[in-house]
Amino acid sequence: MTSTGGNGIESYAMDEFDNPPKGPSGEFNKVHWPWSPASSQTSSKTSTTTAKKKAAEKKAAEKKQQEEAAKKQQEEEAAKKQQEEEAAKQQQEQAAQVDRSLSVRVINGTGISGYAATKQSVLNQAGYANVAAANPSGTLPDATVVWYQNDADKATAEDVANALGISNVQQTSGLGASIVVILLN
């Protein structure tokens, strides 16, 4: 039976099919739809996956910390090494500094009268205050030479040699002065 109910739309008598139960029921609940919430089985897989991810993240964080600690240690070692190198360089510079207050003895082995005094004057003009000219006594080397005793005097000996145009600079012991210049022909 149908009636129009005054609105022009036909209506009919309702039966059990017109009022289905609300929401899914029975076997329909067991169907897994991609948009439906995860089932307990999927949930356990997800929790296992989540635990694995957390463990991997923790391990990665620990590894990163270890790498950062190693990098920091390398940087500290590099800084320490640089400081040591700078300290060594300063010591070398201090040892390599020219000390114009050292005693310098100029020995004339050329036979030219006043030659050692001329070279003494050259050294005085170069800033050396403690210079003495002398004649040789004893045996002389084969060539013109500048001798020095200590490693600390090497830079000064080289400076004296440069001022006098001498290329032969040698370390020796038993000198009467810190630096001795032997002038030969």
C-alpha atoms as a PDB file:
ATOM      1  CA  MET A   1       0.000   0.000   0.000  1.00  0.00           C
ATOM      2  CA  THR A   2       1.207   3.399  -0.848  1.00  0.00           C
ATOM      3  CA  SER A   3       0.031   6.825   0.127  1.00  0.00           C
ATOM      4  CA  THR A   4       1.145  10.312  -0.780  1.00  0.00           C
ATOM      5  CA  GLY A   5       0.920  11.946   2.649  1.00  0.00           C
ATOM      6  CA  GLY A   6       0.063  15.306   1.067  1.00  0.00           C
ATOM      7  CA  ASN A   7       3.538  16.127  -0.163  1.00  0.00           C
ATOM      8  CA  GLY A   8       3.393  14.376  -3.487  1.00  0.00           C
ATOM      9  CA  ILE A   9       5.845  11.678  -2.527  1.00  0.00           C
ATOM     10  CA  GLU A  10       4.583   8.182  -2.382  1.00  0.00           C
ATOM     11  CA  SER A  11       5.187   6.371   0.843  1.00  0.00           C
ATOM     12  CA  TYR A  12       4.693   2.759   1.799  1.00  0.00           C
ATOM     13  CA  ALA A  13       4.325   0.674   4.846  1.00  0.00           C
ATOM     14  CA  MET A  14       7.620  -0.011   6.609  1.00  0.00           C
ATOM     15  CA  ASP A  15       8.795  -3.541   7.244  1.00  0.00           C
ATOM     16  CA  GLU A  16      11.914  -5.213   8.804  1.00  0.00           C
ATOM     17  CA  PHE A  17      14.069  -4.419   5.781  1.00  0.00           C
ATOM     18  CA  ASP A  18      13.386  -0.730   5.988  1.00  0.00           C
ATOM     19  CA  ASN A  19      15.034  -0.488   9.426  1.00  0.00           C
ATOM     20  CA  PRO A  20      18.328  -2.410   9.287  1.00  0.00           C
ATOM     21  CA  PRO A  21      20.483  -2.647  12.447  1.00  0.00           C
ATOM     22  CA  LYS A  22      22.852   0.222  13.064  1.00  0.00           C
ATOM     23  CA  GLY A  23      26.540  -0.474  12.299  1.00  0.00           C
ATOM     24  CA  PRO A  24      28.198  -3.616  11.013  1.00  0.00           C
ATOM     25  CA  SER A  25      27.447  -6.914  12.634  1.00  0.00           C
ATOM     26  CA  GLY A  26      28.404 -10.549  12.317  1.00  0.00           C
ATOM     27  CA  GLU A  27      31.059 -11.545   9.775  1.00  0.00           C
ATOM     28  CA  PHE A  28      31.208  -8.015   8.455  1.00  0.00           C
ATOM     29  CA  ASN A  29      33.174  -6.958  11.552  1.00  0.00           C
ATOM     30  CA  LYS A  30      35.942  -9.449  10.719  1.00  0.00           C
ATOM     31  CA  VAL A  31      36.688  -7.951   7.313  1.00  0.00           C
ATOM     32  CA  HIS A  32      39.836  -5.801   7.374  1.00  0.00           C
ATOM     33  CA  TRP A  33      39.418  -2.641   5.377  1.00  0.00           C
ATOM     34  CA  PRO A  34      42.506  -0.470   4.602  1.00  0.00           C
ATOM     35  CA  TRP A  35      40.874   2.535   6.268  1.00  0.00           C
ATOM     36  CA  SER A  36      39.680   0.615   9.299  1.00  0.00           C
ATOM     37  CA  PRO A  37      41.583   0.621  12.628  1.00  0.00           C
ATOM     38  CA  ALA A  38      44.350  -1.970  12.939  1.00  0.00           C
ATOM     39  CA  SER A  39      43.445  -5.347  14.328  1.00  0.00           C
ATOM     40  CA  SER A  40      45.229  -6.839  17.333  1.00  0.00           C
ATOM     41  CA  GLN A  41      47.504  -8.857  15.031  1.00  0.00           C
ATOM     42  CA  THR A  42      48.529  -5.756  13.095  1.00  0.00           C
ATOM     43  CA  SER A  43      48.868  -3.906  16.382  1.00  0.00           C
ATOM     44  CA  SER A  44      51.426  -6.405  17.677  1.00  0.00           C
ATOM     45  CA  LYS A  45      53.336  -6.137  14.403  1.00  0.00           C
ATOM     46  CA  THR A  46      53.238  -2.365  14.683  1.00  0.00           C
ATOM     47  CA  SER A  47      54.451  -2.430  18.289  1.00  0.00           C
ATOM     48  CA  THR A  48      57.302  -4.775  17.290  1.00  0.00           C
ATOM     49  CA  THR A  49      58.168  -2.487  14.380  1.00  0.00           C
ATOM     50  CA  THR A  50      57.962   0.547  16.658  1.00  0.00           C
ATOM     51  CA  ALA A  51      60.225  -1.139  19.209  1.00  0.00           C
ATOM     52  CA  LYS A  52      62.723  -1.978  16.468  1.00  0.00           C
ATOM     53  CA  LYS A  53      62.618   1.602  15.201  1.00  0.00           C
ATOM     54  CA  LYS A  54      63.166   2.950  18.716  1.00  0.00           C
ATOM     55  CA  ALA A  55      66.084   0.551  19.250  1.00  0.00           C
ATOM     56  CA  ALA A  56      67.583   1.576  15.908  1.00  0.00           C
ATOM     57  CA  GLU A  57      67.133   5.259  16.757  1.00  0.00           C
ATOM     58  CA  LYS A  58      68.748   4.725  20.163  1.00  0.00           C
ATOM     59  CA  LYS A  59      71.646   2.873  18.567  1.00  0.00           C
ATOM     60  CA  ALA A  60      72.040   5.631  15.955  1.00  0.00           C
ATOM     61  CA  ALA A  61      71.993   8.265  18.714  1.00  0.00           C
ATOM     62  CA  GLU A  62      74.669   6.365  20.667  1.00  0.00           C
ATOM     63  CA  LYS A  63      76.773   6.013  17.534  1.00  0.00           C
ATOM     64  CA  LYS A  64      76.394   9.728  16.842  1.00  0.00           C
ATOM     65  CA  GLN A  65      77.473  10.522  20.414  1.00  0.00           C
ATOM     66  CA  GLN A  66      80.521   8.273  20.033  1.00  0.00           C
ATOM     67  CA  GLU A  67      81.411   9.933  16.727  1.00  0.00           C
ATOM     68  CA  GLU A  68      81.014  13.385  18.269  1.00  0.00           C
ATOM     69  CA  ALA A  69      83.176  12.363  21.248  1.00  0.00           C
ATOM     70  CA  ALA A  70      85.839  10.983  18.909  1.00  0.00           C
ATOM     71  CA  LYS A  71      85.721  14.151  16.803  1.00  0.00           C
ATOM     72  CA  LYS A  72      86.018  16.315  19.916  1.00  0.00           C
ATOM     73  CA  GLN A  73      88.979  14.251  21.099  1.00  0.00           C
ATOM     74  CA  GLN A  74      90.669  14.622  17.704  1.00  0.00           C
ATOM     75  CA  GLU A  75      90.097  18.379  17.793  1.00  0.00           C
ATOM     76  CA  GLU A  76      91.576  18.567  21.304  1.00  0.00           C
ATOM     77  CA  GLU A  77      94.587  16.515  20.221  1.00  0.00           C
ATOM     78  CA  ALA A  78      95.049  18.732  17.161  1.00  0.00           C
ATOM     79  CA  ALA A  79      94.854  21.860  19.321  1.00  0.00           C
ATOM     80  CA  LYS A  80      97.375  20.384  21.775  1.00  0.00           C
ATOM     81  CA  LYS A  81      99.707  19.445  18.925  1.00  0.00           C
ATOM     82  CA  GLN A  82      99.415  22.947  17.462  1.00  0.00           C
ATOM     83  CA  GLN A  83     100.242  24.474  20.852  1.00  0.00           C
ATOM     84  CA  GLU A  84     103.288  22.209  21.150  1.00  0.00           C
ATOM     85  CA  GLU A  85     104.410  23.156  17.632  1.00  0.00           C
ATOM     86  CA  GLU A  86     103.994  26.846  18.428  1.00  0.00           C
ATOM     87  CA  ALA A  87     105.989  26.423  21.653  1.00  0.00           C
ATOM     88  CA  ALA A  88     108.747  24.613  19.753  1.00  0.00           C
ATOM     89  CA  LYS A  89     108.721  27.315  17.096  1.00  0.00           C
ATOM     90  CA  GLN A  90     109.058  30.014  19.765  1.00  0.00           C
ATOM     91  CA  GLN A  91     111.998  28.141  21.293  1.00  0.00           C
ATOM     92  CA  GLN A  92     113.641  27.911  17.882  1.00  0.00           C
ATOM     93  CA  GLU A  93     113.022  31.598  17.269  1.00  0.00           C
ATOM     94  CA  GLN A  94     114.501  32.444  20.657  1.00  0.00           C
ATOM     95  CA  ALA A  95     117.477  30.222  19.912  1.00  0.00           C
ATOM     96  CA  ALA A  96     117.697  31.682  16.403  1.00  0.00           C
ATOM     97  CA  GLN A  97     117.681  35.291  17.598  1.00  0.00           C
ATOM     98  CA  VAL A  98     120.819  37.240  16.910  1.00  0.00           C
ATOM     99  CA  ASP A  99     122.590  38.360  20.076  1.00  0.00           C
ATOM    100  CA  ARG A 100     124.817  41.304  19.177  1.00  0.00           C
ATOM    101  CA  SER A 101     126.134  41.477  22.758  1.00  0.00           C
ATOM    102  CA  LEU A 102     128.160  38.255  22.349  1.00  0.00           C
ATOM    103  CA  SER A 103     131.932  38.492  22.220  1.00  0.00           C
ATOM    104  CA  VAL A 104     133.315  38.232  18.693  1.00  0.00           C
ATOM    105  CA  ARG A 105     137.021  37.770  17.989  1.00  0.00           C
ATOM    106  CA  VAL A 106     138.321  38.581  14.487  1.00  0.00           C
ATOM    107  CA  ILE A 107     141.668  36.927  13.638  1.00  0.00           C
ATOM    108  CA  ASN A 108     143.705  38.248  10.720  1.00  0.00           C
ATOM    109  CA  GLY A 109     145.453  35.366   8.989  1.00  0.00           C
ATOM    110  CA  THR A 110     145.849  37.195   5.675  1.00  0.00           C
ATOM    111  CA  GLY A 111     149.154  38.949   6.358  1.00  0.00           C
ATOM    112  CA  ILE A 112     147.525  42.277   5.405  1.00  0.00           C
ATOM    113  CA  SER A 113     148.121  44.750   8.210  1.00  0.00           C
ATOM    114  CA  GLY A 114     144.922  46.193   9.773  1.00  0.00           C
ATOM    115  CA  TYR A 115     142.571  43.810   7.898  1.00  0.00           C
ATOM    116  CA  ALA A 116     141.023  42.414  11.116  1.00  0.00           C
ATOM    117  CA  ALA A 117     140.502  45.977  12.419  1.00  0.00           C
ATOM    118  CA  THR A 118     138.655  46.847   9.184  1.00  0.00           C
ATOM    119  CA  LYS A 119     136.340  43.852   9.660  1.00  0.00           C
ATOM    120  CA  GLN A 120     135.951  44.800  13.343  1.00  0.00           C
ATOM    121  CA  SER A 121     134.690  48.204  12.208  1.00  0.00           C
ATOM    122  CA  VAL A 122     132.211  46.533   9.814  1.00  0.00           C
ATOM    123  CA  LEU A 123     130.826  44.449  12.712  1.00  0.00           C
ATOM    124  CA  ASN A 124     130.658  47.504  14.990  1.00  0.00           C
ATOM    125  CA  GLN A 125     128.579  49.286  12.343  1.00  0.00           C
ATOM    126  CA  ALA A 126     126.326  46.209  12.162  1.00  0.00           C
ATOM    127  CA  GLY A 127     125.581  46.657  15.895  1.00  0.00           C
ATOM    128  CA  TYR A 128     128.139  44.341  17.512  1.00  0.00           C
ATOM    129  CA  ALA A 129     129.673  46.074  20.534  1.00  0.00           C
ATOM    130  CA  ASN A 130     132.011  43.394  21.906  1.00  0.00           C
ATOM    131  CA  VAL A 131     134.391  42.824  18.956  1.00  0.00           C
ATOM    132  CA  ALA A 132     138.143  42.369  19.242  1.00  0.00           C
ATOM    133  CA  ALA A 133     140.721  42.180  16.421  1.00  0.00           C
ATOM    134  CA  ALA A 134     143.770  39.951  16.862  1.00  0.00           C
ATOM    135  CA  ASN A 135     146.646  38.260  15.073  1.00  0.00           C
ATOM    136  CA  PRO A 136     146.769  34.465  14.848  1.00  0.00           C
ATOM    137  CA  SER A 137     148.569  32.235  17.312  1.00  0.00           C
ATOM    138  CA  GLY A 138     148.763  28.546  16.529  1.00  0.00           C
ATOM    139  CA  THR A 139     147.464  26.656  13.531  1.00  0.00           C
ATOM    140  CA  LEU A 140     144.877  28.134  11.204  1.00  0.00           C
ATOM    141  CA  PRO A 141     142.172  26.424   9.114  1.00  0.00           C
ATOM    142  CA  ASP A 142     142.526  26.086   5.336  1.00  0.00           C
ATOM    143  CA  ALA A 143     139.830  28.670   4.511  1.00  0.00           C
ATOM    144  CA  THR A 144     138.090  31.722   5.943  1.00  0.00           C
ATOM    145  CA  VAL A 145     135.553  30.559   8.524  1.00  0.00           C
ATOM    146  CA  VAL A 146     133.235  31.742  11.305  1.00  0.00           C
ATOM    147  CA  TRP A 147     133.255  29.432  14.339  1.00  0.00           C
ATOM    148  CA  TYR A 148     130.704  29.318  17.151  1.00  0.00           C
ATOM    149  CA  GLN A 149     130.474  27.169  20.305  1.00  0.00           C
ATOM    150  CA  ASN A 150     126.795  26.724  21.275  1.00  0.00           C
ATOM    151  CA  ASP A 151     123.671  26.046  19.251  1.00  0.00           C
ATOM    152  CA  ALA A 152     122.223  29.230  20.724  1.00  0.00           C
ATOM    153  CA  ASP A 153     125.061  31.198  19.061  1.00  0.00           C
ATOM    154  CA  LYS A 154     124.458  29.792  15.572  1.00  0.00           C
ATOM    155  CA  ALA A 155     122.098  32.578  14.438  1.00  0.00           C
ATOM    156  CA  THR A 156     124.564  35.206  15.628  1.00  0.00           C
ATOM    157  CA  ALA A 157     127.467  33.424  13.887  1.00  0.00           C
ATOM    158  CA  GLU A 158     125.463  33.324  10.655  1.00  0.00           C
ATOM    159  CA  ASP A 159     124.670  37.034  11.015  1.00  0.00           C
ATOM    160  CA  VAL A 160     128.369  37.838  11.527  1.00  0.00           C
ATOM    161  CA  ALA A 161     129.256  35.734   8.462  1.00  0.00           C
ATOM    162  CA  ASN A 162     126.637  37.570   6.360  1.00  0.00           C
ATOM    163  CA  ALA A 163     127.928  40.962   7.519  1.00  0.00           C
ATOM    164  CA  LEU A 164     131.474  39.997   6.463  1.00  0.00           C
ATOM    165  CA  GLY A 165     130.539  38.120   3.260  1.00  0.00           C
ATOM    166  CA  ILE A 166     131.648  34.717   4.582  1.00  0.00           C
ATOM    167  CA  SER A 167     129.756  31.560   3.665  1.00  0.00           C
ATOM    168  CA  ASN A 168     131.590  29.008   5.847  1.00  0.00           C
ATOM    169  CA  VAL A 169     130.038  28.769   9.376  1.00  0.00           C
ATOM    170  CA  GLN A 170     130.966  25.858  11.673  1.00  0.00           C
ATOM    171  CA  GLN A 171     130.352  24.776  15.258  1.00  0.00           C
ATOM    172  CA  THR A 172     133.436  23.928  17.313  1.00  0.00           C
ATOM    173  CA  SER A 173     134.504  23.833  20.951  1.00  0.00           C
ATOM    174  CA  GLY A 174     137.310  25.383  22.998  1.00  0.00           C
ATOM    175  CA  LEU A 175     137.020  28.922  21.627  1.00  0.00           C
ATOM    176  CA  GLY A 176     138.174  31.915  23.672  1.00  0.00           C
ATOM    177  CA  ALA A 177     135.091  33.896  22.577  1.00  0.00           C
ATOM    178  CA  SER A 178     131.509  33.010  21.692  1.00  0.00           C
ATOM    179  CA  ILE A 179     132.254  33.611  18.008  1.00  0.00           C
ATOM    180  CA  VAL A 180     135.622  33.589  16.269  1.00  0.00           C
ATOM    181  CA  VAL A 181     136.190  34.835  12.721  1.00  0.00           C
ATOM    182  CA  ILE A 182     139.300  33.540  10.945  1.00  0.00           C
ATOM    183  CA  LEU A 183     140.206  35.677   7.929  1.00  0.00           C
ATOM    184  CA  LEU A 184     142.454  34.030   5.345  1.00  0.00           C
ATOM    185  CA  ASN A 185     143.517  34.829   1.739  1.00  0.00           C
END
